[in-house]
mmCIF file of all heavy atoms, coordinates in Angstrom:
data_MODEL
# 
_entry.id   MODEL 
# 
loop_
_atom_site.group_PDB 
_atom_site.id 
_atom_site.type_symbol 
_atom_site.label_atom_id 
_atom_site.label_alt_id 
_atom_site.label_comp_id 
_atom_site.label_asym_id 
_atom_site.label_entity_id 
_atom_site.label_seq_id 
_atom_site.pdbx_PDB_ins_code 
_atom_site.Cartn_x 
_atom_site.Cartn_y 
_atom_site.Cartn_z 
_atom_site.occupancy 
_atom_site.B_iso_or_equiv 
_atom_site.pdbx_formal_charge 
_atom_site.auth_seq_id 
_atom_site.auth_comp_id 
_atom_site.auth_asym_id 
_atom_site.auth_atom_id 
_atom_site.pdbx_PDB_model_num 
ATOM 1   N N   . GLY A 1 1  ? 184.847 241.157 -88.322  1.00 0.00 ? 1  GLY A N   1 
ATOM 2   C CA  . GLY A 1 1  ? 184.958 240.798 -89.686  1.00 0.00 ? 1  GLY A CA  1 
ATOM 3   C C   . GLY A 1 1  ? 186.000 239.579 -89.826  1.00 0.00 ? 1  GLY A C   1 
ATOM 4   O O   . GLY A 1 1  ? 186.576 239.189 -88.931  1.00 0.00 ? 1  GLY A O   1 
ATOM 5   N N   . ALA A 1 2  ? 186.053 239.189 -91.062  1.00 0.00 ? 2  ALA A N   1 
ATOM 6   C CA  . ALA A 1 2  ? 187.016 238.014 -91.432  1.00 0.00 ? 2  ALA A CA  1 
ATOM 7   C C   . ALA A 1 2  ? 188.489 238.405 -91.234  1.00 0.00 ? 2  ALA A C   1 
ATOM 8   O O   . ALA A 1 2  ? 188.779 239.668 -91.434  1.00 0.00 ? 2  ALA A O   1 
ATOM 9   C CB  . ALA A 1 2  ? 186.750 237.474 -92.832  1.00 0.00 ? 2  ALA A CB  1 
ATOM 10  N N   . TYR A 1 3  ? 189.324 237.467 -91.051  1.00 0.00 ? 3  TYR A N   1 
ATOM 11  C CA  . TYR A 1 3  ? 190.768 237.727 -90.889  1.00 0.00 ? 3  TYR A CA  1 
ATOM 12  C C   . TYR A 1 3  ? 191.564 237.189 -92.023  1.00 0.00 ? 3  TYR A C   1 
ATOM 13  O O   . TYR A 1 3  ? 191.308 236.099 -92.509  1.00 0.00 ? 3  TYR A O   1 
ATOM 14  C CB  . TYR A 1 3  ? 191.175 237.168 -89.591  1.00 0.00 ? 3  TYR A CB  1 
ATOM 15  C CG  . TYR A 1 3  ? 190.968 238.044 -88.394  1.00 0.00 ? 3  TYR A CG  1 
ATOM 16  C CD1 . TYR A 1 3  ? 189.714 238.218 -87.833  1.00 0.00 ? 3  TYR A CD1 1 
ATOM 17  C CD2 . TYR A 1 3  ? 191.968 238.856 -87.818  1.00 0.00 ? 3  TYR A CD2 1 
ATOM 18  C CE1 . TYR A 1 3  ? 189.366 239.052 -86.736  1.00 0.00 ? 3  TYR A CE1 1 
ATOM 19  C CE2 . TYR A 1 3  ? 191.773 239.814 -86.761  1.00 0.00 ? 3  TYR A CE2 1 
ATOM 20  C CZ  . TYR A 1 3  ? 190.513 239.891 -86.194  1.00 0.00 ? 3  TYR A CZ  1 
ATOM 21  O OH  . TYR A 1 3  ? 190.273 240.773 -85.186  1.00 0.00 ? 3  TYR A OH  1 
ATOM 22  N N   . ASN A 1 4  ? 192.705 237.841 -92.337  1.00 0.00 ? 4  ASN A N   1 
ATOM 23  C CA  . ASN A 1 4  ? 193.726 237.315 -93.170  1.00 0.00 ? 4  ASN A CA  1 
ATOM 24  C C   . ASN A 1 4  ? 194.806 236.916 -92.192  1.00 0.00 ? 4  ASN A C   1 
ATOM 25  O O   . ASN A 1 4  ? 194.883 237.183 -91.148  1.00 0.00 ? 4  ASN A O   1 
ATOM 26  C CB  . ASN A 1 4  ? 194.300 238.499 -94.121  1.00 0.00 ? 4  ASN A CB  1 
ATOM 27  C CG  . ASN A 1 4  ? 193.156 239.046 -94.928  1.00 0.00 ? 4  ASN A CG  1 
ATOM 28  O OD1 . ASN A 1 4  ? 192.647 238.413 -95.881  1.00 0.00 ? 4  ASN A OD1 1 
ATOM 29  N ND2 . ASN A 1 4  ? 192.671 240.228 -94.629  1.00 0.00 ? 4  ASN A ND2 1 
ATOM 30  N N   . PHE A 1 5  ? 195.811 236.089 -92.815  1.00 0.00 ? 5  PHE A N   1 
ATOM 31  C CA  . PHE A 1 5  ? 196.872 235.537 -91.993  1.00 0.00 ? 5  PHE A CA  1 
ATOM 32  C C   . PHE A 1 5  ? 198.250 235.723 -92.583  1.00 0.00 ? 5  PHE A C   1 
ATOM 33  O O   . PHE A 1 5  ? 198.400 235.528 -93.781  1.00 0.00 ? 5  PHE A O   1 
ATOM 34  C CB  . PHE A 1 5  ? 196.557 234.028 -91.706  1.00 0.00 ? 5  PHE A CB  1 
ATOM 35  C CG  . PHE A 1 5  ? 195.403 233.854 -90.887  1.00 0.00 ? 5  PHE A CG  1 
ATOM 36  C CD1 . PHE A 1 5  ? 194.144 233.870 -91.376  1.00 0.00 ? 5  PHE A CD1 1 
ATOM 37  C CD2 . PHE A 1 5  ? 195.457 233.750 -89.484  1.00 0.00 ? 5  PHE A CD2 1 
ATOM 38  C CE1 . PHE A 1 5  ? 192.914 233.613 -90.689  1.00 0.00 ? 5  PHE A CE1 1 
ATOM 39  C CE2 . PHE A 1 5  ? 194.395 233.494 -88.743  1.00 0.00 ? 5  PHE A CE2 1 
ATOM 40  C CZ  . PHE A 1 5  ? 193.054 233.495 -89.272  1.00 0.00 ? 5  PHE A CZ  1 
ATOM 41  N N   . LEU A 1 6  ? 199.197 236.084 -91.723  1.00 0.00 ? 6  LEU A N   1 
ATOM 42  C CA  . LEU A 1 6  ? 200.579 236.039 -92.120  1.00 0.00 ? 6  LEU A CA  1 
ATOM 43  C C   . LEU A 1 6  ? 201.294 235.101 -91.230  1.00 0.00 ? 6  LEU A C   1 
ATOM 44  O O   . LEU A 1 6  ? 201.262 235.148 -90.012  1.00 0.00 ? 6  LEU A O   1 
ATOM 45  C CB  . LEU A 1 6  ? 201.251 237.465 -91.877  1.00 0.00 ? 6  LEU A CB  1 
ATOM 46  C CG  . LEU A 1 6  ? 202.739 237.651 -92.129  1.00 0.00 ? 6  LEU A CG  1 
ATOM 47  C CD1 . LEU A 1 6  ? 203.098 237.145 -93.463  1.00 0.00 ? 6  LEU A CD1 1 
ATOM 48  C CD2 . LEU A 1 6  ? 203.085 239.069 -91.794  1.00 0.00 ? 6  LEU A CD2 1 
ATOM 49  N N   . LEU A 1 7  ? 201.903 234.003 -91.844  1.00 0.00 ? 7  LEU A N   1 
ATOM 50  C CA  . LEU A 1 7  ? 202.520 232.945 -91.118  1.00 0.00 ? 7  LEU A CA  1 
ATOM 51  C C   . LEU A 1 7  ? 204.007 232.998 -91.330  1.00 0.00 ? 7  LEU A C   1 
ATOM 52  O O   . LEU A 1 7  ? 204.558 232.811 -92.483  1.00 0.00 ? 7  LEU A O   1 
ATOM 53  C CB  . LEU A 1 7  ? 202.025 231.610 -91.703  1.00 0.00 ? 7  LEU A CB  1 
ATOM 54  C CG  . LEU A 1 7  ? 200.478 231.423 -91.866  1.00 0.00 ? 7  LEU A CG  1 
ATOM 55  C CD1 . LEU A 1 7  ? 200.027 230.055 -92.436  1.00 0.00 ? 7  LEU A CD1 1 
ATOM 56  C CD2 . LEU A 1 7  ? 199.767 231.640 -90.604  1.00 0.00 ? 7  LEU A CD2 1 
ATOM 57  N N   . GLU A 1 8  ? 204.673 233.233 -90.251  1.00 0.00 ? 8  GLU A N   1 
ATOM 58  C CA  . GLU A 1 8  ? 206.164 233.389 -90.350  1.00 0.00 ? 8  GLU A CA  1 
ATOM 59  C C   . GLU A 1 8  ? 206.797 232.022 -89.918  1.00 0.00 ? 8  GLU A C   1 
ATOM 60  O O   . GLU A 1 8  ? 206.545 231.467 -88.906  1.00 0.00 ? 8  GLU A O   1 
ATOM 61  C CB  . GLU A 1 8  ? 206.646 234.409 -89.280  1.00 0.00 ? 8  GLU A CB  1 
ATOM 62  C CG  . GLU A 1 8  ? 208.160 234.609 -89.221  1.00 0.00 ? 8  GLU A CG  1 
ATOM 63  C CD  . GLU A 1 8  ? 208.620 235.249 -87.976  1.00 0.00 ? 8  GLU A CD  1 
ATOM 64  O OE1 . GLU A 1 8  ? 208.066 236.247 -87.490  1.00 0.00 ? 8  GLU A OE1 1 
ATOM 65  O OE2 . GLU A 1 8  ? 209.650 234.741 -87.350  1.00 0.00 ? 8  GLU A OE2 1 
ATOM 66  N N   . GLY A 1 9  ? 207.749 231.581 -90.744  1.00 0.00 ? 9  GLY A N   1 
ATOM 67  C CA  . GLY A 1 9  ? 208.416 230.252 -90.510  1.00 0.00 ? 9  GLY A CA  1 
ATOM 68  C C   . GLY A 1 9  ? 208.733 229.628 -91.760  1.00 0.00 ? 9  GLY A C   1 
ATOM 69  O O   . GLY A 1 9  ? 208.331 230.013 -92.828  1.00 0.00 ? 9  GLY A O   1 
ATOM 70  N N   . ASP A 1 10 ? 209.352 228.397 -91.731  1.00 0.00 ? 10 ASP A N   1 
ATOM 71  C CA  . ASP A 1 10 ? 209.540 227.529 -92.882  1.00 0.00 ? 10 ASP A CA  1 
ATOM 72  C C   . ASP A 1 10 ? 208.316 227.289 -93.483  1.00 0.00 ? 10 ASP A C   1 
ATOM 73  O O   . ASP A 1 10 ? 207.259 226.738 -92.799  1.00 0.00 ? 10 ASP A O   1 
ATOM 74  C CB  . ASP A 1 10 ? 210.258 226.281 -92.446  1.00 0.00 ? 10 ASP A CB  1 
ATOM 75  C CG  . ASP A 1 10 ? 210.674 225.489 -93.621  1.00 0.00 ? 10 ASP A CG  1 
ATOM 76  O OD1 . ASP A 1 10 ? 209.903 224.957 -94.452  1.00 0.00 ? 10 ASP A OD1 1 
ATOM 77  O OD2 . ASP A 1 10 ? 211.967 225.334 -93.795  1.00 0.00 ? 10 ASP A OD2 1 
ATOM 78  N N   . ASN A 1 11 ? 208.075 227.483 -94.872  1.00 0.00 ? 11 ASN A N   1 
ATOM 79  C CA  . ASN A 1 11 ? 206.788 227.328 -95.436  1.00 0.00 ? 11 ASN A CA  1 
ATOM 80  C C   . ASN A 1 11 ? 206.386 225.927 -95.469  1.00 0.00 ? 11 ASN A C   1 
ATOM 81  O O   . ASN A 1 11 ? 205.227 225.521 -95.557  1.00 0.00 ? 11 ASN A O   1 
ATOM 82  C CB  . ASN A 1 11 ? 206.785 227.942 -96.866  1.00 0.00 ? 11 ASN A CB  1 
ATOM 83  C CG  . ASN A 1 11 ? 207.746 227.316 -97.873  1.00 0.00 ? 11 ASN A CG  1 
ATOM 84  O OD1 . ASN A 1 11 ? 208.365 226.374 -97.585  1.00 0.00 ? 11 ASN A OD1 1 
ATOM 85  N ND2 . ASN A 1 11 ? 207.803 228.021 -99.014  1.00 0.00 ? 11 ASN A ND2 1 
ATOM 86  N N   . LEU A 1 12 ? 207.301 224.959 -95.492  1.00 0.00 ? 12 LEU A N   1 
ATOM 87  C CA  . LEU A 1 12 ? 206.887 223.485 -95.354  1.00 0.00 ? 12 LEU A CA  1 
ATOM 88  C C   . LEU A 1 12 ? 206.152 223.210 -94.127  1.00 0.00 ? 12 LEU A C   1 
ATOM 89  O O   . LEU A 1 12 ? 205.142 222.519 -94.029  1.00 0.00 ? 12 LEU A O   1 
ATOM 90  C CB  . LEU A 1 12 ? 208.049 222.545 -95.465  1.00 0.00 ? 12 LEU A CB  1 
ATOM 91  C CG  . LEU A 1 12 ? 207.802 221.122 -95.477  1.00 0.00 ? 12 LEU A CG  1 
ATOM 92  C CD1 . LEU A 1 12 ? 206.795 220.725 -96.615  1.00 0.00 ? 12 LEU A CD1 1 
ATOM 93  C CD2 . LEU A 1 12 ? 209.054 220.312 -95.642  1.00 0.00 ? 12 LEU A CD2 1 
ATOM 94  N N   . HIS A 1 13 ? 206.680 223.750 -92.965  1.00 0.00 ? 13 HIS A N   1 
ATOM 95  C CA  . HIS A 1 13 ? 206.055 223.729 -91.725  1.00 0.00 ? 13 HIS A CA  1 
ATOM 96  C C   . HIS A 1 13 ? 204.638 224.274 -91.783  1.00 0.00 ? 13 HIS A C   1 
ATOM 97  O O   . HIS A 1 13 ? 203.597 223.665 -91.239  1.00 0.00 ? 13 HIS A O   1 
ATOM 98  C CB  . HIS A 1 13 ? 206.950 224.488 -90.739  1.00 0.00 ? 13 HIS A CB  1 
ATOM 99  C CG  . HIS A 1 13 ? 206.435 224.463 -89.372  1.00 0.00 ? 13 HIS A CG  1 
ATOM 100 N ND1 . HIS A 1 13 ? 207.364 224.620 -88.275  1.00 0.00 ? 13 HIS A ND1 1 
ATOM 101 C CD2 . HIS A 1 13 ? 205.284 224.325 -88.648  1.00 0.00 ? 13 HIS A CD2 1 
ATOM 102 C CE1 . HIS A 1 13 ? 206.797 224.577 -87.099  1.00 0.00 ? 13 HIS A CE1 1 
ATOM 103 N NE2 . HIS A 1 13 ? 205.480 224.421 -87.358  1.00 0.00 ? 13 HIS A NE2 1 
ATOM 104 N N   . SER A 1 14 ? 204.480 225.485 -92.316  1.00 0.00 ? 14 SER A N   1 
ATOM 105 C CA  . SER A 1 14 ? 203.179 226.096 -92.424  1.00 0.00 ? 14 SER A CA  1 
ATOM 106 C C   . SER A 1 14 ? 202.118 225.284 -93.303  1.00 0.00 ? 14 SER A C   1 
ATOM 107 O O   . SER A 1 14 ? 201.028 225.109 -92.997  1.00 0.00 ? 14 SER A O   1 
ATOM 108 C CB  . SER A 1 14 ? 203.232 227.550 -92.994  1.00 0.00 ? 14 SER A CB  1 
ATOM 109 O OG  . SER A 1 14 ? 203.950 228.375 -92.045  1.00 0.00 ? 14 SER A OG  1 
ATOM 110 N N   . LEU A 1 15 ? 202.671 224.717 -94.410  1.00 0.00 ? 15 LEU A N   1 
ATOM 111 C CA  . LEU A 1 15 ? 201.923 224.007 -95.345  1.00 0.00 ? 15 LEU A CA  1 
ATOM 112 C C   . LEU A 1 15 ? 201.386 222.757 -94.626  1.00 0.00 ? 15 LEU A C   1 
ATOM 113 O O   . LEU A 1 15 ? 200.180 222.332 -94.917  1.00 0.00 ? 15 LEU A O   1 
ATOM 114 C CB  . LEU A 1 15 ? 202.674 223.647 -96.616  1.00 0.00 ? 15 LEU A CB  1 
ATOM 115 C CG  . LEU A 1 15 ? 202.891 224.785 -97.539  1.00 0.00 ? 15 LEU A CG  1 
ATOM 116 C CD1 . LEU A 1 15 ? 203.853 224.384 -98.698  1.00 0.00 ? 15 LEU A CD1 1 
ATOM 117 C CD2 . LEU A 1 15 ? 201.524 225.247 -98.210  1.00 0.00 ? 15 LEU A CD2 1 
ATOM 118 N N   . LYS A 1 16 ? 202.194 222.082 -93.897  1.00 0.00 ? 16 LYS A N   1 
ATOM 119 C CA  . LYS A 1 16 ? 201.744 220.849 -93.156  1.00 0.00 ? 16 LYS A CA  1 
ATOM 120 C C   . LYS A 1 16 ? 200.575 221.198 -92.231  1.00 0.00 ? 16 LYS A C   1 
ATOM 121 O O   . LYS A 1 16 ? 199.691 220.382 -92.107  1.00 0.00 ? 16 LYS A O   1 
ATOM 122 C CB  . LYS A 1 16 ? 202.897 220.355 -92.354  1.00 0.00 ? 16 LYS A CB  1 
ATOM 123 C CG  . LYS A 1 16 ? 204.080 219.754 -93.077  1.00 0.00 ? 16 LYS A CG  1 
ATOM 124 C CD  . LYS A 1 16 ? 203.802 218.398 -93.576  1.00 0.00 ? 16 LYS A CD  1 
ATOM 125 C CE  . LYS A 1 16 ? 205.138 217.747 -94.235  1.00 0.00 ? 16 LYS A CE  1 
ATOM 126 N NZ  . LYS A 1 16 ? 204.874 216.461 -94.786  1.00 0.00 ? 16 LYS A NZ  1 
ATOM 127 N N   . LEU A 1 17 ? 200.571 222.344 -91.620  1.00 0.00 ? 17 LEU A N   1 
ATOM 128 C CA  . LEU A 1 17 ? 199.485 222.725 -90.718  1.00 0.00 ? 17 LEU A CA  1 
ATOM 129 C C   . LEU A 1 17 ? 198.272 223.227 -91.572  1.00 0.00 ? 17 LEU A C   1 
ATOM 130 O O   . LEU A 1 17 ? 197.143 222.974 -91.264  1.00 0.00 ? 17 LEU A O   1 
ATOM 131 C CB  . LEU A 1 17 ? 199.927 223.853 -89.751  1.00 0.00 ? 17 LEU A CB  1 
ATOM 132 C CG  . LEU A 1 17 ? 200.864 223.266 -88.658  1.00 0.00 ? 17 LEU A CG  1 
ATOM 133 C CD1 . LEU A 1 17 ? 201.417 224.454 -87.829  1.00 0.00 ? 17 LEU A CD1 1 
ATOM 134 C CD2 . LEU A 1 17 ? 200.035 222.439 -87.644  1.00 0.00 ? 17 LEU A CD2 1 
ATOM 135 N N   . LEU A 1 18 ? 198.475 223.891 -92.670  1.00 0.00 ? 18 LEU A N   1 
ATOM 136 C CA  . LEU A 1 18 ? 197.384 224.356 -93.435  1.00 0.00 ? 18 LEU A CA  1 
ATOM 137 C C   . LEU A 1 18 ? 196.663 223.190 -94.098  1.00 0.00 ? 18 LEU A C   1 
ATOM 138 O O   . LEU A 1 18 ? 195.500 223.292 -94.332  1.00 0.00 ? 18 LEU A O   1 
ATOM 139 C CB  . LEU A 1 18 ? 197.983 225.224 -94.530  1.00 0.00 ? 18 LEU A CB  1 
ATOM 140 C CG  . LEU A 1 18 ? 198.351 226.781 -94.236  1.00 0.00 ? 18 LEU A CG  1 
ATOM 141 C CD1 . LEU A 1 18 ? 199.020 227.440 -95.349  1.00 0.00 ? 18 LEU A CD1 1 
ATOM 142 C CD2 . LEU A 1 18 ? 197.109 227.445 -93.867  1.00 0.00 ? 18 LEU A CD2 1 
ATOM 143 N N   . GLU A 1 19 ? 197.396 222.065 -94.297  1.00 0.00 ? 19 GLU A N   1 
ATOM 144 C CA  . GLU A 1 19 ? 196.658 220.863 -94.805  1.00 0.00 ? 19 GLU A CA  1 
ATOM 145 C C   . GLU A 1 19 ? 195.668 220.411 -93.814  1.00 0.00 ? 19 GLU A C   1 
ATOM 146 O O   . GLU A 1 19 ? 194.629 219.771 -94.203  1.00 0.00 ? 19 GLU A O   1 
ATOM 147 C CB  . GLU A 1 19 ? 197.679 219.789 -95.049  1.00 0.00 ? 19 GLU A CB  1 
ATOM 148 C CG  . GLU A 1 19 ? 197.078 218.670 -95.878  1.00 0.00 ? 19 GLU A CG  1 
ATOM 149 C CD  . GLU A 1 19 ? 198.201 217.615 -96.334  1.00 0.00 ? 19 GLU A CD  1 
ATOM 150 O OE1 . GLU A 1 19 ? 199.366 217.720 -95.918  1.00 0.00 ? 19 GLU A OE1 1 
ATOM 151 O OE2 . GLU A 1 19 ? 197.921 216.747 -97.123  1.00 0.00 ? 19 GLU A OE2 1 
ATOM 152 N N   . LYS A 1 20 ? 195.802 220.605 -92.600  1.00 0.00 ? 20 LYS A N   1 
ATOM 153 C CA  . LYS A 1 20 ? 194.797 220.299 -91.561  1.00 0.00 ? 20 LYS A CA  1 
ATOM 154 C C   . LYS A 1 20 ? 193.590 221.257 -91.621  1.00 0.00 ? 20 LYS A C   1 
ATOM 155 O O   . LYS A 1 20 ? 192.366 220.822 -91.358  1.00 0.00 ? 20 LYS A O   1 
ATOM 156 C CB  . LYS A 1 20 ? 195.398 220.347 -90.236  1.00 0.00 ? 20 LYS A CB  1 
ATOM 157 C CG  . LYS A 1 20 ? 196.497 219.383 -89.901  1.00 0.00 ? 20 LYS A CG  1 
ATOM 158 C CD  . LYS A 1 20 ? 197.186 219.587 -88.531  1.00 0.00 ? 20 LYS A CD  1 
ATOM 159 C CE  . LYS A 1 20 ? 198.367 218.666 -88.336  1.00 0.00 ? 20 LYS A CE  1 
ATOM 160 N NZ  . LYS A 1 20 ? 197.968 217.265 -88.135  1.00 0.00 ? 20 LYS A NZ  1 
ATOM 161 N N   . THR A 1 21 ? 193.854 222.581 -91.857  1.00 0.00 ? 21 THR A N   1 
ATOM 162 C CA  . THR A 1 21 ? 192.779 223.519 -91.818  1.00 0.00 ? 21 THR A CA  1 
ATOM 163 C C   . THR A 1 21 ? 192.105 223.849 -93.132  1.00 0.00 ? 21 THR A C   1 
ATOM 164 O O   . THR A 1 21 ? 190.922 224.326 -93.185  1.00 0.00 ? 21 THR A O   1 
ATOM 165 C CB  . THR A 1 21 ? 193.319 224.855 -91.122  1.00 0.00 ? 21 THR A CB  1 
ATOM 166 O OG1 . THR A 1 21 ? 194.416 225.265 -91.880  1.00 0.00 ? 21 THR A OG1 1 
ATOM 167 C CG2 . THR A 1 21 ? 193.751 224.559 -89.697  1.00 0.00 ? 21 THR A CG2 1 
ATOM 168 N N   . HIS A 1 22 ? 192.932 223.706 -94.232  1.00 0.00 ? 22 HIS A N   1 
ATOM 169 C CA  . HIS A 1 22 ? 192.371 224.303 -95.539  1.00 0.00 ? 22 HIS A CA  1 
ATOM 170 C C   . HIS A 1 22 ? 192.425 223.253 -96.668  1.00 0.00 ? 22 HIS A C   1 
ATOM 171 O O   . HIS A 1 22 ? 192.482 223.640 -97.788  1.00 0.00 ? 22 HIS A O   1 
ATOM 172 C CB  . HIS A 1 22 ? 193.258 225.479 -95.900  1.00 0.00 ? 22 HIS A CB  1 
ATOM 173 C CG  . HIS A 1 22 ? 192.767 226.684 -95.111  1.00 0.00 ? 22 HIS A CG  1 
ATOM 174 N ND1 . HIS A 1 22 ? 193.175 226.888 -93.833  1.00 0.00 ? 22 HIS A ND1 1 
ATOM 175 C CD2 . HIS A 1 22 ? 192.049 227.743 -95.474  1.00 0.00 ? 22 HIS A CD2 1 
ATOM 176 C CE1 . HIS A 1 22 ? 192.697 228.068 -93.334  1.00 0.00 ? 22 HIS A CE1 1 
ATOM 177 N NE2 . HIS A 1 22 ? 192.077 228.579 -94.351  1.00 0.00 ? 22 HIS A NE2 1 
ATOM 178 N N   . LYS A 1 23 ? 192.428 221.945 -96.322  1.00 0.00 ? 23 LYS A N   1 
ATOM 179 C CA  . LYS A 1 23 ? 192.467 220.958 -97.441  1.00 0.00 ? 23 LYS A CA  1 
ATOM 180 C C   . LYS A 1 23 ? 191.286 221.135 -98.288  1.00 0.00 ? 23 LYS A C   1 
ATOM 181 O O   . LYS A 1 23 ? 190.157 221.118 -97.868  1.00 0.00 ? 23 LYS A O   1 
ATOM 182 C CB  . LYS A 1 23 ? 192.547 219.581 -96.791  1.00 0.00 ? 23 LYS A CB  1 
ATOM 183 C CG  . LYS A 1 23 ? 192.784 218.470 -97.708  1.00 0.00 ? 23 LYS A CG  1 
ATOM 184 C CD  . LYS A 1 23 ? 192.828 217.146 -97.081  1.00 0.00 ? 23 LYS A CD  1 
ATOM 185 C CE  . LYS A 1 23 ? 193.113 216.048 -98.131  1.00 0.00 ? 23 LYS A CE  1 
ATOM 186 N NZ  . LYS A 1 23 ? 193.327 214.713 -97.441  1.00 0.00 ? 23 LYS A NZ  1 
ATOM 187 N N   . GLY A 1 24 ? 191.488 221.325 -99.550  1.00 0.00 ? 24 GLY A N   1 
ATOM 188 C CA  . GLY A 1 24 ? 190.409 221.390 -100.587 1.00 0.00 ? 24 GLY A CA  1 
ATOM 189 C C   . GLY A 1 24 ? 189.685 222.751 -100.488 1.00 0.00 ? 24 GLY A C   1 
ATOM 190 O O   . GLY A 1 24 ? 188.549 222.919 -101.057 1.00 0.00 ? 24 GLY A O   1 
ATOM 191 N N   . LYS A 1 25 ? 190.231 223.736 -99.792  1.00 0.00 ? 25 LYS A N   1 
ATOM 192 C CA  . LYS A 1 25 ? 189.483 225.046 -99.606  1.00 0.00 ? 25 LYS A CA  1 
ATOM 193 C C   . LYS A 1 25 ? 190.110 226.279 -100.286 1.00 0.00 ? 25 LYS A C   1 
ATOM 194 O O   . LYS A 1 25 ? 189.521 227.322 -100.267 1.00 0.00 ? 25 LYS A O   1 
ATOM 195 C CB  . LYS A 1 25 ? 189.403 225.312 -98.045  1.00 0.00 ? 25 LYS A CB  1 
ATOM 196 C CG  . LYS A 1 25 ? 188.622 224.196 -97.356  1.00 0.00 ? 25 LYS A CG  1 
ATOM 197 C CD  . LYS A 1 25 ? 188.592 224.601 -95.802  1.00 0.00 ? 25 LYS A CD  1 
ATOM 198 C CE  . LYS A 1 25 ? 187.771 223.508 -95.110  1.00 0.00 ? 25 LYS A CE  1 
ATOM 199 N NZ  . LYS A 1 25 ? 187.826 223.833 -93.615  1.00 0.00 ? 25 LYS A NZ  1 
# 
């Protein structure tokens, strides 16, 4: 089944990477 995600760390760091995977999503 589908997965949820818990990202530990500075949220700016996580957001920079999420912009690669979830831009517009």
